[in-house]
PDB file of N, CA and C in Angstrom:
ATOM      1  N   MET A   1      13.212 -10.514  20.324  1.00  0.00           N
ATOM      2  CA  MET A   1      12.996  -9.190  19.936  1.00  0.00           C
ATOM      3  C   MET A   1      12.935  -9.108  18.375  1.00  0.00           C
ATOM      4  N   ILE A   2      13.690  -9.871  17.777  1.00  0.00           N
ATOM      5  CA  ILE A   2      13.732  -9.891  16.293  1.00  0.00           C
ATOM      6  C   ILE A   2      12.523 -10.416  15.746  1.00  0.00           C
ATOM      7  N   VAL A   3      11.919 -11.365  16.401  1.00  0.00           N
ATOM      8  CA  VAL A   3      10.723 -12.185  15.807  1.00  0.00           C
ATOM      9  C   VAL A   3       9.426 -11.021  15.858  1.00  0.00           C
ATOM     10  N   GLU A   4       9.395 -10.315  16.906  1.00  0.00           N
ATOM     11  CA  GLU A   4       8.369  -9.303  16.987  1.00  0.00           C
ATOM     12  C   GLU A   4       8.563  -8.063  16.043  1.00  0.00           C
ATOM     13  N   MET A   5       9.825  -7.876  15.674  1.00  0.00           N
ATOM     14  CA  MET A   5      10.111  -6.706  14.657  1.00  0.00           C
ATOM     15  C   MET A   5       9.689  -7.343  13.285  1.00  0.00           C
ATOM     16  N   LEU A   6       9.999  -8.671  13.090  1.00  0.00           N
ATOM     17  CA  LEU A   6       9.592  -9.263  11.588  1.00  0.00           C
ATOM     18  C   LEU A   6       7.904  -9.235  11.538  1.00  0.00           C
ATOM     19  N   ILE A   7       7.335  -9.569  12.674  1.00  0.00           N
ATOM     20  CA  ILE A   7       5.876  -9.571  12.769  1.00  0.00           C
ATOM     21  C   ILE A   7       5.238  -8.270  12.418  1.00  0.00           C
ATOM     22  N   MET A   8       5.872  -7.222  13.133  1.00  0.00           N
ATOM     23  CA  MET A   8       5.440  -5.826  12.812  1.00  0.00           C
ATOM     24  C   MET A   8       5.804  -5.298  11.385  1.00  0.00           C
ATOM     25  N   ALA A   9       6.866  -5.872  10.831  1.00  0.00           N
ATOM     26  CA  ALA A   9       7.137  -5.588   9.346  1.00  0.00           C
ATOM     27  C   ALA A   9       6.300  -6.199   8.542  1.00  0.00           C
ATOM     28  N   ALA A  10       5.775  -7.387   8.800  1.00  0.00           N
ATOM     29  CA  ALA A  10       4.703  -8.038   7.961  1.00  0.00           C
ATOM     30  C   ALA A  10       3.346  -7.306   8.093  1.00  0.00           C
ATOM     31  N   VAL A  11       3.051  -6.765   9.359  1.00  0.00           N
ATOM     32  CA  VAL A  11       1.829  -6.050   9.587  1.00  0.00           C
ATOM     33  C   VAL A  11       1.928  -4.674   8.696  1.00  0.00           C
ATOM     34  N   PHE A  12       3.054  -3.972   8.796  1.00  0.00           N
ATOM     35  CA  PHE A  12       3.258  -2.769   7.895  1.00  0.00           C
ATOM     36  C   PHE A  12       2.985  -3.078   6.628  1.00  0.00           C
ATOM     37  N   ALA A  13       3.535  -4.193   6.193  1.00  0.00           N
ATOM     38  CA  ALA A  13       3.506  -4.427   4.667  1.00  0.00           C
ATOM     39  C   ALA A  13       2.100  -4.656   4.131  1.00  0.00           C
ATOM     40  N   PHE A  14       1.368  -5.427   4.924  1.00  0.00           N
ATOM     41  CA  PHE A  14      -0.118  -5.728   4.813  1.00  0.00           C
ATOM     42  C   PHE A  14      -0.937  -4.415   4.788  1.00  0.00           C
ATOM     43  N   LEU A  15      -0.695  -3.629   5.754  1.00  0.00           N
ATOM     44  CA  LEU A  15      -1.464  -2.285   5.812  1.00  0.00           C
ATOM     45  C   LEU A  15      -1.081  -1.370   4.765  1.00  0.00           C
ATOM     46  N   GLY A  16       0.119  -1.423   4.290  1.00  0.00           N
ATOM     47  CA  GLY A  16       0.591  -0.676   3.160  1.00  0.00           C
ATOM     48  C   GLY A  16      -0.098  -1.124   1.858  1.00  0.00           C
ATOM     49  N   LEU A  17      -0.214  -2.420   1.655  1.00  0.00           N
ATOM     50  CA  LEU A  17      -1.008  -3.018   0.423  1.00  0.00           C
ATOM     51  C   LEU A  17      -2.486  -2.578   0.564  1.00  0.00           C
ATOM     52  N   LEU A  18      -3.126  -2.536   1.651  1.00  0.00           N
ATOM     53  CA  LEU A  18      -4.551  -2.136   1.848  1.00  0.00           C
ATOM     54  C   LEU A  18      -4.698  -0.630   1.529  1.00  0.00           C
ATOM     55  N   ASN A  19      -3.654   0.135   1.991  1.00  0.00           N
ATOM     56  CA  ASN A  19      -3.598   1.578   1.623  1.00  0.00           C
ATOM     57  C   ASN A  19      -3.374   1.841   0.125  1.00  0.00           C
ATOM     58  N   LEU A  20      -2.521   1.014  -0.525  1.00  0.00           N
ATOM     59  CA  LEU A  20      -2.395   1.220  -1.941  1.00  0.00           C
ATOM     60  C   LEU A  20      -3.658   0.761  -2.745  1.00  0.00           C
ATOM     61  N   TYR A  21      -4.304  -0.052  -2.140  1.00  0.00           N
ATOM     62  CA  TYR A  21      -5.533  -0.467  -2.793  1.00  0.00           C
ATOM     63  C   TYR A  21      -6.519   0.842  -2.753  1.00  0.00           C
ATOM     64  N   ARG A  22      -6.569   1.392  -1.483  1.00  0.00           N
ATOM     65  CA  ARG A  22      -7.385   2.530  -1.390  1.00  0.00           C
ATOM     66  C   ARG A  22      -7.023   3.788  -2.187  1.00  0.00           C
ATOM     67  N   LEU A  23      -5.792   3.920  -2.246  1.00  0.00           N
ATOM     68  CA  LEU A  23      -5.243   5.009  -3.042  1.00  0.00           C
ATOM     69  C   LEU A  23      -5.476   4.865  -4.533  1.00  0.00           C
ATOM     70  N   ALA A  24      -5.514   3.599  -5.086  1.00  0.00           N
ATOM     71  CA  ALA A  24      -5.817   3.428  -6.387  1.00  0.00           C
ATOM     72  C   ALA A  24      -7.516   3.325  -6.843  1.00  0.00           C
ATOM     73  N   LYS A  25      -8.278   2.857  -5.874  1.00  0.00           N
ATOM     74  CA  LYS A  25      -9.643   2.839  -6.061  1.00  0.00           C
ATOM     75  C   LYS A  25     -10.421   3.816  -5.235  1.00  0.00           C
ATOM     76  N   GLY A  26      -9.829   4.653  -4.539  1.00  0.00           N
ATOM     77  CA  GLY A  26     -10.522   5.644  -3.868  1.00  0.00           C
ATOM     78  C   GLY A  26     -11.699   6.331  -4.578  1.00  0.00           C
ATOM     79  N   PRO A  27     -12.919   6.300  -3.950  1.00  0.00           N
ATOM     80  CA  PRO A  27     -13.946   6.954  -4.692  1.00  0.00           C
ATOM     81  C   PRO A  27     -13.990   8.424  -4.785  1.00  0.00           C
ATOM     82  N   SER A  28     -13.196   9.046  -4.006  1.00  0.00           N
ATOM     83  CA  SER A  28     -13.001  10.525  -4.042  1.00  0.00           C
ATOM     84  C   SER A  28     -11.526  10.912  -3.730  1.00  0.00           C
ATOM     85  N   ALA A  29     -11.417  12.151  -4.105  1.00  0.00           N
ATOM     86  CA  ALA A  29      -9.956  12.610  -3.958  1.00  0.00           C
ATOM     87  C   ALA A  29      -9.412  12.751  -2.271  1.00  0.00           C
ATOM     88  N   ALA A  30     -10.589  12.895  -1.598  1.00  0.00           N
ATOM     89  CA  ALA A  30     -10.205  13.015  -0.156  1.00  0.00           C
ATOM     90  C   ALA A  30      -9.754  11.723   0.465  1.00  0.00           C
ATOM     91  N   ASP A  31     -10.494  10.669  -0.138  1.00  0.00           N
ATOM     92  CA  ASP A  31     -10.035   9.110   0.298  1.00  0.00           C
ATOM     93  C   ASP A  31      -8.741   8.863  -0.042  1.00  0.00           C
ATOM     94  N   ARG A  32      -8.321   9.446  -1.449  1.00  0.00           N
ATOM     95  CA  ARG A  32      -7.003   9.060  -1.891  1.00  0.00           C
ATOM     96  C   ARG A  32      -5.982   9.865  -1.076  1.00  0.00           C
ATOM     97  N   MET A  33      -6.391  11.035  -0.543  1.00  0.00           N
ATOM     98  CA  MET A  33      -5.454  11.852   0.302  1.00  0.00           C
ATOM     99  C   MET A  33      -5.118  11.220   1.671  1.00  0.00           C
ATOM    100  N   VAL A  34      -6.219  10.685   2.077  1.00  0.00           N
ATOM    101  CA  VAL A  34      -6.211  10.047   3.526  1.00  0.00           C
ATOM    102  C   VAL A  34      -5.318   8.781   3.375  1.00  0.00           C
ATOM    103  N   ALA A  35      -5.414   7.946   2.243  1.00  0.00           N
ATOM    104  CA  ALA A  35      -4.665   6.736   1.931  1.00  0.00           C
ATOM    105  C   ALA A  35      -3.138   7.177   1.869  1.00  0.00           C
ATOM    106  N   GLY A  36      -2.898   8.127   1.016  1.00  0.00           N
ATOM    107  CA  GLY A  36      -1.539   8.556   1.001  1.00  0.00           C
ATOM    108  C   GLY A  36      -0.922   9.056   2.246  1.00  0.00           C
ATOM    109  N   ASP A  37      -1.693   9.722   3.024  1.00  0.00           N
ATOM    110  CA  ASP A  37      -1.110  10.247   4.410  1.00  0.00           C
ATOM    111  C   ASP A  37      -0.861   9.099   5.162  1.00  0.00           C
ATOM    112  N   SER A  38      -1.756   7.965   5.135  1.00  0.00           N
ATOM    113  CA  SER A  38      -1.606   6.795   5.935  1.00  0.00           C
ATOM    114  C   SER A  38      -0.323   6.005   5.588  1.00  0.00           C
ATOM    115  N   ILE A  39      -0.098   5.828   4.293  1.00  0.00           N
ATOM    116  CA  ILE A  39       1.096   5.430   3.790  1.00  0.00           C
ATOM    117  C   ILE A  39       2.370   6.034   4.345  1.00  0.00           C
ATOM    118  N   ASP A  40       2.218   7.267   4.226  1.00  0.00           N
ATOM    119  CA  ASP A  40       3.499   8.084   4.845  1.00  0.00           C
ATOM    120  C   ASP A  40       3.575   7.725   6.404  1.00  0.00           C
ATOM    121  N   VAL A  41       2.650   7.736   7.081  1.00  0.00           N
ATOM    122  CA  VAL A  41       2.737   7.364   8.424  1.00  0.00           C
ATOM    123  C   VAL A  41       3.347   6.019   8.716  1.00  0.00           C
ATOM    124  N   LEU A  42       2.895   4.977   7.845  1.00  0.00           N
ATOM    125  CA  LEU A  42       3.571   3.708   7.798  1.00  0.00           C
ATOM    126  C   LEU A  42       4.946   3.566   7.491  1.00  0.00           C
ATOM    127  N   ILE A  43       5.430   4.418   6.464  1.00  0.00           N
ATOM    128  CA  ILE A  43       6.678   4.570   6.166  1.00  0.00           C
ATOM    129  C   ILE A  43       7.547   5.056   7.288  1.00  0.00           C
ATOM    130  N   CYS A  44       7.031   6.000   8.001  1.00  0.00           N
ATOM    131  CA  CYS A  44       7.847   6.608   9.186  1.00  0.00           C
ATOM    132  C   CYS A  44       7.886   5.653  10.143  1.00  0.00           C
ATOM    133  N   CYS A  45       6.821   4.846  10.514  1.00  0.00           N
ATOM    134  CA  CYS A  45       6.957   3.787  11.572  1.00  0.00           C
ATOM    135  C   CYS A  45       7.818   2.660  11.160  1.00  0.00           C
ATOM    136  N   ALA A  46       7.888   2.358   9.823  1.00  0.00           N
ATOM    137  CA  ALA A  46       8.913   1.362   9.411  1.00  0.00           C
ATOM    138  C   ALA A  46      10.326   1.849   9.475  1.00  0.00           C
ATOM    139  N   MET A  47      10.495   3.130   9.303  1.00  0.00           N
ATOM    140  CA  MET A  47      11.963   3.677   9.588  1.00  0.00           C
ATOM    141  C   MET A  47      12.239   3.642  10.993  1.00  0.00           C
ATOM    142  N   VAL A  48      11.313   3.867  11.857  1.00  0.00           N
ATOM    143  CA  VAL A  48      11.599   3.773  13.332  1.00  0.00           C
ATOM    144  C   VAL A  48      11.920   2.358  13.745  1.00  0.00           C
ATOM    145  N   LEU A  49      11.102   1.452  13.160  1.00  0.00           N
ATOM    146  CA  LEU A  49      11.402   0.022  13.501  1.00  0.00           C
ATOM    147  C   LEU A  49      12.714  -0.438  12.919  1.00  0.00           C
ATOM    148  N   TYR A  50      13.181  -0.074  11.640  1.00  0.00           N
ATOM    149  CA  TYR A  50      14.502  -0.318  11.160  1.00  0.00           C
ATOM    150  C   TYR A  50      15.514   0.274  12.078  1.00  0.00           C
ATOM    151  N   SER A  51      15.302   1.475  12.615  1.00  0.00           N
ATOM    152  CA  SER A  51      16.229   2.183  13.350  1.00  0.00           C
ATOM    153  C   SER A  51      16.519   1.256  14.631  1.00  0.00           C
ATOM    154  N   LEU A  52      15.488   0.869  15.202  1.00  0.00           N
ATOM    155  CA  LEU A  52      15.609  -0.073  16.442  1.00  0.00           C
ATOM    156  C   LEU A  52      16.350  -1.159  15.958  1.00  0.00           C
ATOM    157  N   TYR A  53      15.945  -1.884  14.969  1.00  0.00           N
ATOM    158  CA  TYR A  53      16.597  -3.177  14.479  1.00  0.00           C
ATOM    159  C   TYR A  53      18.097  -2.792  14.113  1.00  0.00           C
ATOM    160  N   SER A  54      18.586  -1.890  13.382  1.00  0.00           N
ATOM    161  CA  SER A  54      19.994  -1.550  13.051  1.00  0.00           C
ATOM    162  C   SER A  54      20.878  -0.954  14.220  1.00  0.00           C
ATOM    163  N   GLY A  55      20.091  -0.296  15.131  1.00  0.00           N
ATOM    164  CA  GLY A  55      20.741   0.390  16.289  1.00  0.00           C
ATOM    165  C   GLY A  55      21.469   1.677  15.749  1.00  0.00           C
ATOM    166  N   ARG A  56      20.991   2.326  14.601  1.00  0.00           N
ATOM    167  CA  ARG A  56      21.492   3.537  14.161  1.00  0.00           C
ATOM    168  C   ARG A  56      20.419   4.669  14.293  1.00  0.00           C
ATOM    169  N   GLY A  57      20.894   5.772  14.835  1.00  0.00           N
ATOM    170  CA  GLY A  57      19.906   6.716  15.095  1.00  0.00           C
ATOM    171  C   GLY A  57      19.625   7.622  14.008  1.00  0.00           C
ATOM    172  N   ILE A  58      20.286   7.603  12.868  1.00  0.00           N
ATOM    173  CA  ILE A  58      20.068   8.454  11.653  1.00  0.00           C
ATOM    174  C   ILE A  58      18.764   8.224  10.984  1.00  0.00           C
ATOM    175  N   TYR A  59      18.140   6.994  11.292  1.00  0.00           N
ATOM    176  CA  TYR A  59      16.919   6.702  10.509  1.00  0.00           C
ATOM    177  C   TYR A  59      15.838   7.324  11.350  1.00  0.00           C
ATOM    178  N   LEU A  60      15.939   7.527  12.610  1.00  0.00           N
ATOM    179  CA  LEU A  60      14.952   8.391  13.362  1.00  0.00           C
ATOM    180  C   LEU A  60      14.805   9.837  12.847  1.00  0.00           C
ATOM    181  N   ASP A  61      16.112  10.358  12.428  1.00  0.00           N
ATOM    182  CA  ASP A  61      16.150  11.791  11.993  1.00  0.00           C
ATOM    183  C   ASP A  61      15.319  11.731  10.564  1.00  0.00           C
ATOM    184  N   ILE A  62      15.556  10.794   9.877  1.00  0.00           N
ATOM    185  CA  ILE A  62      14.920  10.641   8.642  1.00  0.00           C
ATOM    186  C   ILE A  62      13.461  10.399   8.767  1.00  0.00           C
ATOM    187  N   ALA A  63      13.020   9.582   9.672  1.00  0.00           N
ATOM    188  CA  ALA A  63      11.701   9.479   9.903  1.00  0.00           C
ATOM    189  C   ALA A  63      10.875  10.662  10.344  1.00  0.00           C
ATOM    190  N   ILE A  64      11.702  11.589  11.185  1.00  0.00           N
ATOM    191  CA  ILE A  64      11.101  12.979  11.606  1.00  0.00           C
ATOM    192  C   ILE A  64      10.744  13.721  10.431  1.00  0.00           C
ATOM    193  N   ILE A  65      11.776  13.767   9.583  1.00  0.00           N
ATOM    194  CA  ILE A  65      11.696  14.717   8.319  1.00  0.00           C
ATOM    195  C   ILE A  65      10.592  14.199   7.457  1.00  0.00           C
ATOM    196  N   CYS A  66      10.536  12.890   7.199  1.00  0.00           N
ATOM    197  CA  CYS A  66       9.449  12.405   6.336  1.00  0.00           C
ATOM    198  C   CYS A  66       8.178  12.579   7.106  1.00  0.00           C
ATOM    199  N   ALA A  67       8.029  12.670   8.436  1.00  0.00           N
ATOM    200  CA  ALA A  67       6.577  12.895   8.960  1.00  0.00           C
ATOM    201  C   ALA A  67       6.403  14.439   8.631  1.00  0.00           C
ATOM    202  N   LEU A  68       7.384  15.316   8.818  1.00  0.00           N
ATOM    203  CA  LEU A  68       7.012  16.547   8.727  1.00  0.00           C
ATOM    204  C   LEU A  68       6.581  16.990   7.229  1.00  0.00           C
ATOM    205  N   LEU A  69       7.313  16.342   6.386  1.00  0.00           N
ATOM    206  CA  LEU A  69       6.967  16.565   5.052  1.00  0.00           C
ATOM    207  C   LEU A  69       5.534  16.069   4.562  1.00  0.00           C
ATOM    208  N   GLY A  70       5.216  14.944   5.271  1.00  0.00           N
ATOM    209  CA  GLY A  70       4.091  14.374   5.102  1.00  0.00           C
ATOM    210  C   GLY A  70       2.804  15.286   5.768  1.00  0.00           C
ATOM    211  N   ILE A  71       3.029  16.111   6.830  1.00  0.00           N
ATOM    212  CA  ILE A  71       2.077  16.984   7.343  1.00  0.00           C
ATOM    213  C   ILE A  71       1.945  18.111   6.349  1.00  0.00           C
ATOM    214  N   VAL A  72       3.168  18.609   5.904  1.00  0.00           N
ATOM    215  CA  VAL A  72       3.039  19.798   4.803  1.00  0.00           C
ATOM    216  C   VAL A  72       2.236  19.310   3.564  1.00  0.00           C
ATOM    217  N   ASP A  73       2.549  18.206   3.248  1.00  0.00           N
ATOM    218  CA  ASP A  73       1.951  17.692   1.849  1.00  0.00           C
ATOM    219  C   ASP A  73       0.410  17.397   2.117  1.00  0.00           C
ATOM    220  N   THR A  74      -0.010  16.923   3.440  1.00  0.00           N
ATOM    221  CA  THR A  74      -1.523  16.967   3.698  1.00  0.00           C
ATOM    222  C   THR A  74      -2.128  18.218   3.675  1.00  0.00           C
ATOM    223  N   MET A  75      -1.398  19.239   4.194  1.00  0.00           N
ATOM    224  CA  MET A  75      -2.081  20.635   4.238  1.00  0.00           C
ATOM    225  C   MET A  75      -2.274  21.217   2.867  1.00  0.00           C
ATOM    226  N   LEU A  76      -1.071  21.032   2.085  1.00  0.00           N
ATOM    227  CA  LEU A  76      -1.246  21.597   0.665  1.00  0.00           C
ATOM    228  C   LEU A  76      -2.351  20.883  -0.083  1.00  0.00           C
ATOM    229  N   VAL A  77      -2.485  19.603  -0.023  1.00  0.00           N
ATOM    230  CA  VAL A  77      -3.422  18.968  -0.753  1.00  0.00           C
ATOM    231  C   VAL A  77      -4.815  19.255  -0.224  1.00  0.00           C
ATOM    232  N   GLY A  78      -4.876  19.339   0.948  1.00  0.00           N
ATOM    233  CA  GLY A  78      -6.136  19.604   1.638  1.00  0.00           C
ATOM    234  C   GLY A  78      -6.709  20.896   1.062  1.00  0.00           C
ATOM    235  N   ARG A  79      -5.779  21.987   1.259  1.00  0.00           N
ATOM    236  CA  ARG A  79      -5.946  23.550   0.846  1.00  0.00           C
ATOM    237  C   ARG A  79      -6.473  23.415  -0.609  1.00  0.00           C
ATOM    238  N   TYR A  80      -5.826  22.561  -1.683  1.00  0.00           N
ATOM    239  CA  TYR A  80      -6.093  22.499  -3.033  1.00  0.00           C
ATOM    240  C   TYR A  80      -7.487  21.961  -3.247  1.00  0.00           C
ATOM    241  N   LEU A  81      -7.681  20.871  -2.455  1.00  0.00           N
ATOM    242  CA  LEU A  81      -9.118  20.236  -2.574  1.00  0.00           C
ATOM    243  C   LEU A  81     -10.335  21.182  -2.079  1.00  0.00           C
ATOM    244  N   GLU A  82      -9.793  21.885  -1.059  1.00  0.00           N
ATOM    245  CA  GLU A  82     -10.896  22.889  -0.462  1.00  0.00           C
ATOM    246  C   GLU A  82     -11.159  23.994  -1.527  1.00  0.00           C
ATOM    247  N   LYS A  83     -10.105  24.470  -2.051  1.00  0.00           N
ATOM    248  CA  LYS A  83     -10.138  25.627  -3.101  1.00  0.00           C
ATOM    249  C   LYS A  83     -11.077  25.209  -4.313  1.00  0.00           C
ATOM    250  N   LYS A  84     -10.731  23.865  -4.603  1.00  0.00           N
ATOM    251  CA  LYS A  84     -11.445  23.441  -5.860  1.00  0.00           C
ATOM    252  C   LYS A  84     -12.840  23.235  -5.661  1.00  0.00           C
ATOM    253  N   ARG A  85     -13.143  22.822  -4.370  1.00  0.00           N
ATOM    254  CA  ARG A  85     -14.580  22.610  -4.005  1.00  0.00           C
ATOM    255  C   ARG A  85     -15.329  23.746  -4.006  1.00  0.00           C
ATOM    256  N   TRP A  86     -14.703  25.033  -3.640  1.00  0.00           N
ATOM    257  CA  TRP A  86     -15.364  26.329  -3.452  1.00  0.00           C
ATOM    258  C   TRP A  86     -15.523  26.896  -4.871  1.00  0.00           C
ATOM    259  N   LEU A  87     -14.552  26.678  -5.728  1.00  0.00           N
ATOM    260  CA  LEU A  87     -14.769  27.034  -7.159  1.00  0.00           C
ATOM    261  C   LEU A  87     -15.723  26.420  -7.916  1.00  0.00           C
ATOM    262  N   ASP A  88     -16.119  25.217  -7.631  1.00  0.00           N
ATOM    263  CA  ASP A  88     -17.201  24.445  -8.286  1.00  0.00           C
ATOM    264  C   ASP A  88     -18.568  24.960  -7.984  1.00  0.00           C
ATOM    265  N   LYS A  89     -18.653  25.595  -6.744  1.00  0.00           N
ATOM    266  CA  LYS A  89     -20.079  26.004  -6.274  1.00  0.00           C
ATOM    267  C   LYS A  89     -20.320  27.329  -6.689  1.00  0.00           C
TER     268      LYS A  89
END
């Protein structure tokens, strides 16, 4: 079971690097927002993975809080981008 968790951690790290590239080079603000949200989901999944590895449930609570803050962040940035788009027209 440890080997599978290490493989998943390596996959999460690789996906995180790809998302960081998209966050830095994104052609639009919406692409950057999606990359940031995807990084948030990867962090939450990594916390769940670490919780399974360590056997402590507190990391699950932190992962849930992180996911909820990510949802709020996505809604706020989306609202800001939409308002900015309407002001430009």
